[in-house]
Amino acid sequence: MIGGTTALSSTAFNAGGSKIQMALKKPYTADDYY
């Protein structure tokens, strides 16, 4: 089957500066994530 260990991931995809994050009331940037 495909999926590898990604298929086992149960929590979250971590990032900074996505369109979703930048549209938040308090934007979360790539600098914040770094």
PDB file of all heavy atoms in Angstrom:
ATOM      1  N   MET A   1       0.844  -1.192   0.000  1.00  0.00           N
ATOM      2  CA  MET A   1       0.000   0.000   0.000  1.00  0.00           C
ATOM      3  C   MET A   1       0.882   1.244   0.000  1.00  0.00           C
ATOM      4  O   MET A   1       2.044   1.199   0.390  1.00  0.00           O
ATOM      5  CB  MET A   1      -0.924   0.006   1.224  1.00  0.00           C
ATOM      6  CG  MET A   1      -0.273   0.414   2.538  1.00  0.00           C
ATOM      7  SD  MET A   1       0.867  -0.796   3.254  1.00  0.00           S
ATOM      8  CE  MET A   1      -0.271  -1.999   3.890  1.00  0.00           C
ATOM      9  N   ILE A   2       0.323   2.358  -0.458  1.00  0.00           N
ATOM     10  CA  ILE A   2       1.054   3.619  -0.429  1.00  0.00           C
ATOM     11  C   ILE A   2       0.747   4.356   0.870  1.00  0.00           C
ATOM     12  O   ILE A   2      -0.130   3.967   1.629  1.00  0.00           O
ATOM     13  CB  ILE A   2       0.695   4.497  -1.643  1.00  0.00           C
ATOM     14  CG1 ILE A   2      -0.781   4.934  -1.558  1.00  0.00           C
ATOM     15  CG2 ILE A   2       0.974   3.786  -2.943  1.00  0.00           C
ATOM     16  CD1 ILE A   2      -1.133   6.017  -2.562  1.00  0.00           C
ATOM     17  N   GLY A   3       1.483   5.421   1.114  1.00  0.00           N
ATOM     18  CA  GLY A   3       1.228   6.246   2.298  1.00  0.00           C
ATOM     19  C   GLY A   3       2.407   6.350   3.232  1.00  0.00           C
ATOM     20  O   GLY A   3       2.617   7.385   3.856  1.00  0.00           O
ATOM     21  N   GLY A   4       3.177   5.251   3.339  1.00  0.00           N
ATOM     22  CA  GLY A   4       4.335   5.282   4.223  1.00  0.00           C
ATOM     23  C   GLY A   4       3.991   5.740   5.626  1.00  0.00           C
ATOM     24  O   GLY A   4       2.878   5.524   6.121  1.00  0.00           O
ATOM     25  N   THR A   5       4.927   6.410   6.266  1.00  0.00           N
ATOM     26  CA  THR A   5       4.676   6.892   7.622  1.00  0.00           C
ATOM     27  C   THR A   5       3.760   8.110   7.636  1.00  0.00           C
ATOM     28  O   THR A   5       3.229   8.473   8.682  1.00  0.00           O
ATOM     29  CB  THR A   5       5.998   7.228   8.339  1.00  0.00           C
ATOM     30  OG1 THR A   5       6.804   8.059   7.500  1.00  0.00           O
ATOM     31  CG2 THR A   5       6.776   5.965   8.649  1.00  0.00           C
ATOM     32  N   THR A   6       3.558   8.729   6.469  1.00  0.00           N
ATOM     33  CA  THR A   6       2.604   9.844   6.405  1.00  0.00           C
ATOM     34  C   THR A   6       1.209   9.355   6.787  1.00  0.00           C
ATOM     35  O   THR A   6       0.452  10.069   7.450  1.00  0.00           O
ATOM     36  CB  THR A   6       2.580  10.444   4.990  1.00  0.00           C
ATOM     37  OG1 THR A   6       3.866  10.964   4.673  1.00  0.00           O
ATOM     38  CG2 THR A   6       1.558  11.572   4.890  1.00  0.00           C
ATOM     39  N   ALA A   7       0.886   8.127   6.383  1.00  0.00           N
ATOM     40  CA  ALA A   7      -0.432   7.573   6.706  1.00  0.00           C
ATOM     41  C   ALA A   7      -0.625   7.386   8.203  1.00  0.00           C
ATOM     42  O   ALA A   7      -1.757   7.305   8.685  1.00  0.00           O
ATOM     43  CB  ALA A   7      -0.621   6.236   5.995  1.00  0.00           C
ATOM     44  N   LEU A   8       0.482   7.336   8.946  1.00  0.00           N
ATOM     45  CA  LEU A   8       0.405   7.149  10.399  1.00  0.00           C
ATOM     46  C   LEU A   8       0.333   8.466  11.158  1.00  0.00           C
ATOM     47  O   LEU A   8       0.135   8.470  12.371  1.00  0.00           O
ATOM     48  CB  LEU A   8       1.634   6.365  10.889  1.00  0.00           C
ATOM     49  CG  LEU A   8       1.838   4.979  10.272  1.00  0.00           C
ATOM     50  CD1 LEU A   8       3.159   4.387  10.760  1.00  0.00           C
ATOM     51  CD2 LEU A   8       0.685   4.057  10.613  1.00  0.00           C
ATOM     52  N   SER A   9       0.509   9.583  10.445  1.00  0.00           N
ATOM     53  CA  SER A   9       0.512  10.882  11.109  1.00  0.00           C
ATOM     54  C   SER A   9      -0.855  11.181  11.720  1.00  0.00           C
ATOM     55  O   SER A   9      -1.877  11.113  11.046  1.00  0.00           O
ATOM     56  CB  SER A   9       0.873  11.979  10.099  1.00  0.00           C
ATOM     57  OG  SER A   9       0.787  13.253  10.694  1.00  0.00           O
ATOM     58  N   SER A  10      -0.854  11.517  12.990  1.00  0.00           N
ATOM     59  CA  SER A  10      -2.137  11.721  13.669  1.00  0.00           C
ATOM     60  C   SER A  10      -2.338  13.147  14.182  1.00  0.00           C
ATOM     61  O   SER A  10      -3.392  13.453  14.728  1.00  0.00           O
ATOM     62  CB  SER A  10      -2.248  10.751  14.858  1.00  0.00           C
ATOM     63  OG  SER A  10      -1.191  10.982  15.780  1.00  0.00           O
ATOM     64  N   THR A  11      -1.346  14.014  14.014  1.00  0.00           N
ATOM     65  CA  THR A  11      -1.468  15.332  14.639  1.00  0.00           C
ATOM     66  C   THR A  11      -1.642  16.469  13.629  1.00  0.00           C
ATOM     67  O   THR A  11      -2.757  16.743  13.196  1.00  0.00           O
ATOM     68  CB  THR A  11      -0.244  15.605  15.538  1.00  0.00           C
ATOM     69  OG1 THR A  11       0.960  15.379  14.779  1.00  0.00           O
ATOM     70  CG2 THR A  11      -0.258  14.691  16.743  1.00  0.00           C
ATOM     71  N   ALA A  12      -0.533  17.134  13.239  1.00  0.00           N
ATOM     72  CA  ALA A  12      -0.691  18.361  12.459  1.00  0.00           C
ATOM     73  C   ALA A  12       0.408  18.535  11.429  1.00  0.00           C
ATOM     74  O   ALA A  12       1.470  17.920  11.506  1.00  0.00           O
ATOM     75  CB  ALA A  12      -0.708  19.571  13.395  1.00  0.00           C
ATOM     76  N   PHE A  13       0.114  19.394  10.429  1.00  0.00           N
ATOM     77  CA  PHE A  13       1.102  19.802   9.446  1.00  0.00           C
ATOM     78  C   PHE A  13       1.603  21.171   9.880  1.00  0.00           C
ATOM     79  O   PHE A  13       0.855  22.149   9.890  1.00  0.00           O
ATOM     80  CB  PHE A  13       0.473  19.881   8.056  1.00  0.00           C
ATOM     81  CG  PHE A  13       1.467  20.123   6.951  1.00  0.00           C
ATOM     82  CD1 PHE A  13       2.078  19.059   6.310  1.00  0.00           C
ATOM     83  CD2 PHE A  13       1.791  21.420   6.565  1.00  0.00           C
ATOM     84  CE1 PHE A  13       3.004  19.281   5.295  1.00  0.00           C
ATOM     85  CE2 PHE A  13       2.710  21.648   5.555  1.00  0.00           C
ATOM     86  CZ  PHE A  13       3.326  20.579   4.914  1.00  0.00           C
ATOM     87  N   ASN A  14       2.880  21.256  10.243  1.00  0.00           N
ATOM     88  CA  ASN A  14       3.434  22.495  10.787  1.00  0.00           C
ATOM     89  C   ASN A  14       3.965  23.408   9.688  1.00  0.00           C
ATOM     90  O   ASN A  14       4.611  22.945   8.740  1.00  0.00           O
ATOM     91  CB  ASN A  14       4.561  22.168  11.767  1.00  0.00           C
ATOM     92  CG  ASN A  14       4.027  21.620  13.071  1.00  0.00           C
ATOM     93  OD1 ASN A  14       3.644  22.378  13.958  1.00  0.00           O
ATOM     94  ND2 ASN A  14       3.984  20.305  13.187  1.00  0.00           N
ATOM     95  N   ALA A  15       3.688  24.679   9.818  1.00  0.00           N
ATOM     96  CA  ALA A  15       4.120  25.633   8.790  1.00  0.00           C
ATOM     97  C   ALA A  15       4.030  27.063   9.326  1.00  0.00           C
ATOM     98  O   ALA A  15       3.528  27.308  10.429  1.00  0.00           O
ATOM     99  CB  ALA A  15       3.259  25.477   7.535  1.00  0.00           C
ATOM    100  N   GLY A  16       4.506  27.959   8.494  1.00  0.00           N
ATOM    101  CA  GLY A  16       4.383  29.381   8.795  1.00  0.00           C
ATOM    102  C   GLY A  16       4.283  30.160   7.500  1.00  0.00           C
ATOM    103  O   GLY A  16       5.000  29.866   6.542  1.00  0.00           O
ATOM    104  N   GLY A  17       3.366  31.104   7.437  1.00  0.00           N
ATOM    105  CA  GLY A  17       3.235  31.930   6.243  1.00  0.00           C
ATOM    106  C   GLY A  17       2.286  31.397   5.192  1.00  0.00           C
ATOM    107  O   GLY A  17       2.261  31.911   4.064  1.00  0.00           O
ATOM    108  N   SER A  18       1.485  30.394   5.522  1.00  0.00           N
ATOM    109  CA  SER A  18       0.501  29.897   4.559  1.00  0.00           C
ATOM    110  C   SER A  18      -0.609  30.929   4.379  1.00  0.00           C
ATOM    111  O   SER A  18      -0.778  31.840   5.196  1.00  0.00           O
ATOM    112  CB  SER A  18      -0.102  28.581   5.038  1.00  0.00           C
ATOM    113  OG  SER A  18      -0.947  28.810   6.162  1.00  0.00           O
ATOM    114  N   LYS A  19      -1.366  30.796   3.306  1.00  0.00           N
ATOM    115  CA  LYS A  19      -2.478  31.718   3.067  1.00  0.00           C
ATOM    116  C   LYS A  19      -3.480  31.666   4.215  1.00  0.00           C
ATOM    117  O   LYS A  19      -4.061  32.693   4.598  1.00  0.00           O
ATOM    118  CB  LYS A  19      -3.160  31.375   1.747  1.00  0.00           C
ATOM    119  CG  LYS A  19      -2.305  31.649   0.518  1.00  0.00           C
ATOM    120  CD  LYS A  19      -3.032  31.248  -0.765  1.00  0.00           C
ATOM    121  CE  LYS A  19      -2.163  31.525  -1.987  1.00  0.00           C
ATOM    122  NZ  LYS A  19      -2.824  31.101  -3.249  1.00  0.00           N
ATOM    123  N   ILE A  20      -3.688  30.469   4.741  1.00  0.00           N
ATOM    124  CA  ILE A  20      -4.632  30.315   5.859  1.00  0.00           C
ATOM    125  C   ILE A  20      -4.121  31.058   7.077  1.00  0.00           C
ATOM    126  O   ILE A  20      -4.875  31.784   7.749  1.00  0.00           O
ATOM    127  CB  ILE A  20      -4.823  28.810   6.188  1.00  0.00           C
ATOM    128  CG1 ILE A  20      -5.518  28.102   5.027  1.00  0.00           C
ATOM    129  CG2 ILE A  20      -5.632  28.637   7.471  1.00  0.00           C
ATOM    130  CD1 ILE A  20      -5.592  26.595   5.182  1.00  0.00           C
ATOM    131  N   GLN A  21      -2.828  30.918   7.368  1.00  0.00           N
ATOM    132  CA  GLN A  21      -2.256  31.580   8.543  1.00  0.00           C
ATOM    133  C   GLN A  21      -2.196  33.092   8.377  1.00  0.00           C
ATOM    134  O   GLN A  21      -2.422  33.843   9.341  1.00  0.00           O
ATOM    135  CB  GLN A  21      -0.844  31.033   8.805  1.00  0.00           C
ATOM    136  CG  GLN A  21      -0.831  29.599   9.316  1.00  0.00           C
ATOM    137  CD  GLN A  21       0.545  28.982   9.270  1.00  0.00           C
ATOM    138  OE1 GLN A  21       1.222  29.047   8.239  1.00  0.00           O
ATOM    139  NE2 GLN A  21       0.980  28.394  10.368  1.00  0.00           N
ATOM    140  N   MET A  22      -1.918  33.539   7.170  1.00  0.00           N
ATOM    141  CA  MET A  22      -1.796  34.978   6.946  1.00  0.00           C
ATOM    142  C   MET A  22      -3.158  35.666   6.961  1.00  0.00           C
ATOM    143  O   MET A  22      -3.241  36.897   7.079  1.00  0.00           O
ATOM    144  CB  MET A  22      -1.083  35.250   5.623  1.00  0.00           C
ATOM    145  CG  MET A  22       0.355  34.741   5.580  1.00  0.00           C
ATOM    146  SD  MET A  22       1.381  35.314   6.969  1.00  0.00           S
ATOM    147  CE  MET A  22       1.546  37.050   6.540  1.00  0.00           C
ATOM    148  N   ALA A  23      -4.222  34.872   6.859  1.00  0.00           N
ATOM    149  CA  ALA A  23      -5.572  35.442   6.892  1.00  0.00           C
ATOM    150  C   ALA A  23      -6.138  35.472   8.312  1.00  0.00           C
ATOM    151  O   ALA A  23      -7.247  35.967   8.527  1.00  0.00           O
ATOM    152  CB  ALA A  23      -6.498  34.627   5.991  1.00  0.00           C
ATOM    153  N   LEU A  24      -5.383  34.945   9.275  1.00  0.00           N
ATOM    154  CA  LEU A  24      -5.841  34.946  10.662  1.00  0.00           C
ATOM    155  C   LEU A  24      -5.837  36.361  11.232  1.00  0.00           C
ATOM    156  O   LEU A  24      -5.153  37.262  10.724  1.00  0.00           O
ATOM    157  CB  LEU A  24      -4.931  34.052  11.515  1.00  0.00           C
ATOM    158  CG  LEU A  24      -4.905  32.553  11.169  1.00  0.00           C
ATOM    159  CD1 LEU A  24      -3.834  31.846  12.007  1.00  0.00           C
ATOM    160  CD2 LEU A  24      -6.271  31.942  11.413  1.00  0.00           C
ATOM    161  N   LYS A  25      -6.581  36.558  12.305  1.00  0.00           N
ATOM    162  CA  LYS A  25      -6.631  37.864  12.965  1.00  0.00           C
ATOM    163  C   LYS A  25      -5.229  38.287  13.375  1.00  0.00           C
ATOM    164  O   LYS A  25      -4.853  39.466  13.273  1.00  0.00           O
ATOM    165  CB  LYS A  25      -7.561  37.796  14.178  1.00  0.00           C
ATOM    166  CG  LYS A  25      -7.780  39.127  14.855  1.00  0.00           C
ATOM    167  CD  LYS A  25      -8.811  38.996  15.961  1.00  0.00           C
ATOM    168  CE  LYS A  25      -9.071  40.346  16.615  1.00  0.00           C
ATOM    169  NZ  LYS A  25     -10.079  40.237  17.707  1.00  0.00           N
ATOM    170  N   LYS A  26      -4.449  37.333  13.837  1.00  0.00           N
ATOM    171  CA  LYS A  26      -3.041  37.572  14.140  1.00  0.00           C
ATOM    172  C   LYS A  26      -2.232  36.655  13.222  1.00  0.00           C
ATOM    173  O   LYS A  26      -2.033  35.482  13.526  1.00  0.00           O
ATOM    174  CB  LYS A  26      -2.727  37.278  15.602  1.00  0.00           C
ATOM    175  CG  LYS A  26      -1.282  37.584  15.979  1.00  0.00           C
ATOM    176  CD  LYS A  26      -1.017  37.277  17.435  1.00  0.00           C
ATOM    177  CE  LYS A  26       0.449  37.562  17.777  1.00  0.00           C
ATOM    178  NZ  LYS A  26       0.755  37.249  19.202  1.00  0.00           N
ATOM    179  N   PRO A  27      -1.753  37.143  12.096  1.00  0.00           N
ATOM    180  CA  PRO A  27      -1.037  36.304  11.129  1.00  0.00           C
ATOM    181  C   PRO A  27       0.170  35.606  11.756  1.00  0.00           C
ATOM    182  O   PRO A  27       0.830  36.149  12.657  1.00  0.00           O
ATOM    183  CB  PRO A  27      -0.601  37.302  10.054  1.00  0.00           C
ATOM    184  CG  PRO A  27      -1.586  38.411  10.158  1.00  0.00           C
ATOM    185  CD  PRO A  27      -1.882  38.545  11.621  1.00  0.00           C
ATOM    186  N   TYR A  28       0.433  34.401  11.267  1.00  0.00           N
ATOM    187  CA  TYR A  28       1.587  33.630  11.721  1.00  0.00           C
ATOM    188  C   TYR A  28       2.499  33.467  10.520  1.00  0.00           C
ATOM    189  O   TYR A  28       2.141  32.842   9.527  1.00  0.00           O
ATOM    190  CB  TYR A  28       1.144  32.262  12.248  1.00  0.00           C
ATOM    191  CG  TYR A  28       2.227  31.480  12.946  1.00  0.00           C
ATOM    192  CD1 TYR A  28       2.467  31.633  14.306  1.00  0.00           C
ATOM    193  CD2 TYR A  28       3.023  30.575  12.227  1.00  0.00           C
ATOM    194  CE1 TYR A  28       3.460  30.905  14.951  1.00  0.00           C
ATOM    195  CE2 TYR A  28       4.018  29.851  12.867  1.00  0.00           C
ATOM    196  CZ  TYR A  28       4.236  30.015  14.223  1.00  0.00           C
ATOM    197  OH  TYR A  28       5.224  29.291  14.859  1.00  0.00           O
ATOM    198  N   THR A  29       3.698  34.039  10.585  1.00  0.00           N
ATOM    199  CA  THR A  29       4.578  34.137   9.426  1.00  0.00           C
ATOM    200  C   THR A  29       5.645  33.042   9.400  1.00  0.00           C
ATOM    201  O   THR A  29       5.826  32.290  10.376  1.00  0.00           O
ATOM    202  CB  THR A  29       5.290  35.494   9.413  1.00  0.00           C
ATOM    203  OG1 THR A  29       6.200  35.540  10.538  1.00  0.00           O
ATOM    204  CG2 THR A  29       4.289  36.642   9.524  1.00  0.00           C
ATOM    205  N   ALA A  30       6.375  33.003   8.293  1.00  0.00           N
ATOM    206  CA  ALA A  30       7.505  32.080   8.179  1.00  0.00           C
ATOM    207  C   ALA A  30       8.577  32.437   9.208  1.00  0.00           C
ATOM    208  O   ALA A  30       9.248  31.543   9.743  1.00  0.00           O
ATOM    209  CB  ALA A  30       8.080  32.133   6.764  1.00  0.00           C
ATOM    210  N   ASP A  31       8.736  33.726   9.502  1.00  0.00           N
ATOM    211  CA  ASP A  31       9.697  34.147  10.529  1.00  0.00           C
ATOM    212  C   ASP A  31       9.298  33.593  11.902  1.00  0.00           C
ATOM    213  O   ASP A  31      10.152  33.138  12.677  1.00  0.00           O
ATOM    214  CB  ASP A  31       9.777  35.676  10.594  1.00  0.00           C
ATOM    215  CG  ASP A  31      10.487  36.272   9.391  1.00  0.00           C
ATOM    216  OD1 ASP A  31      11.246  35.528   8.727  1.00  0.00           O
ATOM    217  OD2 ASP A  31      10.276  37.468   9.119  1.00  0.00           O
ATOM    218  N   ASP A  32       8.000  33.660  12.195  1.00  0.00           N
ATOM    219  CA  ASP A  32       7.517  33.123  13.470  1.00  0.00           C
ATOM    220  C   ASP A  32       7.841  31.627  13.577  1.00  0.00           C
ATOM    221  O   ASP A  32       8.281  31.146  14.626  1.00  0.00           O
ATOM    222  CB  ASP A  32       6.005  33.323  13.592  1.00  0.00           C
ATOM    223  CG  ASP A  32       5.608  34.782  13.696  1.00  0.00           C
ATOM    224  OD1 ASP A  32       6.376  35.563  14.277  1.00  0.00           O
ATOM    225  OD2 ASP A  32       4.522  35.134  13.184  1.00  0.00           O
ATOM    226  N   TYR A  33       7.622  30.921  12.472  1.00  0.00           N
ATOM    227  CA  TYR A  33       7.852  29.482  12.486  1.00  0.00           C
ATOM    228  C   TYR A  33       9.351  29.177  12.609  1.00  0.00           C
ATOM    229  O   TYR A  33       9.757  28.253  13.312  1.00  0.00           O
ATOM    230  CB  TYR A  33       7.280  28.859  11.207  1.00  0.00           C
ATOM    231  CG  TYR A  33       7.342  27.350  11.176  1.00  0.00           C
ATOM    232  CD1 TYR A  33       7.089  26.584  12.317  1.00  0.00           C
ATOM    233  CD2 TYR A  33       7.659  26.683   9.988  1.00  0.00           C
ATOM    234  CE1 TYR A  33       7.145  25.198  12.270  1.00  0.00           C
ATOM    235  CE2 TYR A  33       7.713  25.294   9.937  1.00  0.00           C
ATOM    236  CZ  TYR A  33       7.460  24.566  11.087  1.00  0.00           C
ATOM    237  OH  TYR A  33       7.526  23.201  11.050  1.00  0.00           O
ATOM    238  N   TYR A  34      10.174  29.973  11.937  1.00  0.00           N
ATOM    239  CA  TYR A  34      11.618  29.774  12.016  1.00  0.00           C
ATOM    240  C   TYR A  34      12.106  29.944  13.457  1.00  0.00           C
ATOM    241  O   TYR A  34      12.897  29.137  13.967  1.00  0.00           O
ATOM    242  CB  TYR A  34      12.337  30.760  11.101  1.00  0.00           C
ATOM    243  CG  TYR A  34      13.842  30.723  11.253  1.00  0.00           C
ATOM    244  CD1 TYR A  34      14.564  29.568  10.935  1.00  0.00           C
ATOM    245  CD2 TYR A  34      14.537  31.831  11.734  1.00  0.00           C
ATOM    246  CE1 TYR A  34      15.947  29.536  11.089  1.00  0.00           C
ATOM    247  CE2 TYR A  34      15.917  31.804  11.883  1.00  0.00           C
ATOM    248  CZ  TYR A  34      16.617  30.651  11.569  1.00  0.00           C
ATOM    249  OH  TYR A  34      17.974  30.614  11.733  1.00  0.00           O
TER     250      TYR A  34
END
